[in-house]
């Protein structure tokens, strides 16, 4: 599947994101691999997703690139919303 097709298939569902925020979910990328820029700054090149809910924190096993992790976060919002809200996104 092409990257463009993958992006088109992911529904950016703001209702799902709002539902997650209102219940206290935090979903964010955690850099696990870096490269150094010409200004000696570290730039994340590979990431894993972290999902926090209350005092519970889980780090996913799948690795994502800089371009992939935003799509993956929307997928998690949709997954949580569909699983727990009783509605389908």
Protein backbone atom coordinates (compact mmCIF):
# COMPACT_ATOMS: atom_id res chain seq x y z
CA UNK A 1 0.00 0.00 0.00
CA UNK A 2 1.38 3.41 -0.95
CA UNK A 3 1.92 6.10 1.67
CA UNK A 4 -0.70 8.35 0.01
CA UNK A 5 -3.27 5.56 0.05
CA UNK A 6 -2.44 4.82 3.69
CA UNK A 7 -2.98 8.47 4.64
CA UNK A 8 -6.27 8.61 2.73
CA UNK A 9 -7.51 5.50 4.50
CA UNK A 10 -6.95 7.01 7.96
CA UNK A 11 -9.92 9.06 9.06
CA UNK A 12 -8.91 12.20 10.88
CA UNK A 13 -11.76 12.02 13.32
CA UNK A 14 -11.74 15.05 15.58
CA UNK A 15 -14.68 13.67 17.55
CA UNK A 16 -12.57 10.62 18.44
CA UNK A 17 -9.63 12.83 19.46
CA UNK A 18 -11.90 15.03 21.59
CA UNK A 19 -13.43 11.94 23.20
CA UNK A 20 -9.93 10.67 24.10
CA UNK A 21 -8.77 14.06 25.46
CA UNK A 22 -11.90 14.46 27.59
CA UNK A 23 -11.32 11.08 29.21
CA UNK A 24 -7.67 11.71 29.97
CA UNK A 25 -5.89 9.74 27.24
CA UNK A 26 -2.52 11.08 26.19
CA UNK A 27 -0.98 9.69 23.01
CA UNK A 28 2.40 10.88 21.82
CA UNK A 29 5.54 9.76 19.98
CA UNK A 30 8.69 8.79 21.86
CA UNK A 31 11.91 9.04 19.84
CA UNK A 32 14.00 5.87 20.00
CA UNK A 33 16.59 6.55 17.31
CA UNK A 34 18.31 9.84 16.51
CA UNK A 35 20.52 11.43 13.92
CA UNK A 36 22.68 14.48 14.49
CA UNK A 37 21.99 17.58 12.41
CA UNK A 38 24.71 19.85 11.07
CA UNK A 39 24.08 22.11 14.08
CA UNK A 40 24.79 19.22 16.47
CA UNK A 41 21.15 18.87 17.46
CA UNK A 42 19.56 15.46 17.83
CA UNK A 43 16.67 14.77 15.51
CA UNK A 44 14.35 11.82 16.09
CA UNK A 45 14.15 9.48 13.11
CA UNK A 46 12.35 6.47 14.62
CA UNK A 47 9.55 6.56 17.16
CA UNK A 48 7.25 4.39 19.25
CA UNK A 49 3.84 5.52 20.43
CA UNK A 50 3.09 6.03 24.09
CA UNK A 51 -0.49 5.81 25.38
CA UNK A 52 -1.13 7.15 28.88
CA UNK A 53 -4.38 6.80 30.75
CA UNK A 54 -4.43 7.79 34.40
CA UNK A 55 -1.35 6.30 36.03
CA UNK A 56 -1.00 3.64 33.33
CA UNK A 57 1.55 4.15 30.54
CA UNK A 58 2.10 1.75 27.64
CA UNK A 59 4.70 1.95 24.92
CA UNK A 60 3.88 0.23 21.65
CA UNK A 61 6.23 -2.23 20.02
CA UNK A 62 5.88 -0.95 16.45
CA UNK A 63 8.40 1.60 15.17
CA UNK A 64 7.37 4.59 13.06
CA UNK A 65 9.18 7.18 10.94
CA UNK A 66 8.72 10.94 11.31
CA UNK A 67 6.04 10.82 8.59
CA UNK A 68 4.23 7.74 9.94
CA UNK A 69 3.68 8.53 13.63
CA UNK A 70 1.04 11.26 13.15
CA UNK A 71 -1.05 8.82 11.10
CA UNK A 72 -0.58 6.15 13.76
CA UNK A 73 -1.80 8.52 16.49
CA UNK A 74 -5.05 9.18 14.57
CA UNK A 75 -5.46 5.42 14.22
CA UNK A 76 -5.16 5.01 18.00
CA UNK A 77 -7.71 7.79 18.60
CA UNK A 78 -10.14 6.01 16.27
CA UNK A 79 -9.44 2.62 17.83
CA UNK A 80 -10.03 3.84 21.41
CA UNK A 81 -13.15 5.77 20.42
CA UNK A 82 -14.66 2.80 18.56
CA UNK A 83 -13.78 0.35 21.32
CA UNK A 84 -14.98 2.33 24.33
CA UNK A 85 -17.60 4.85 23.18
CA UNK A 86 -20.10 2.42 21.73
CA UNK A 87 -20.09 4.36 18.47
CA UNK A 88 -18.39 3.74 15.15
CA UNK A 89 -16.14 6.41 13.67
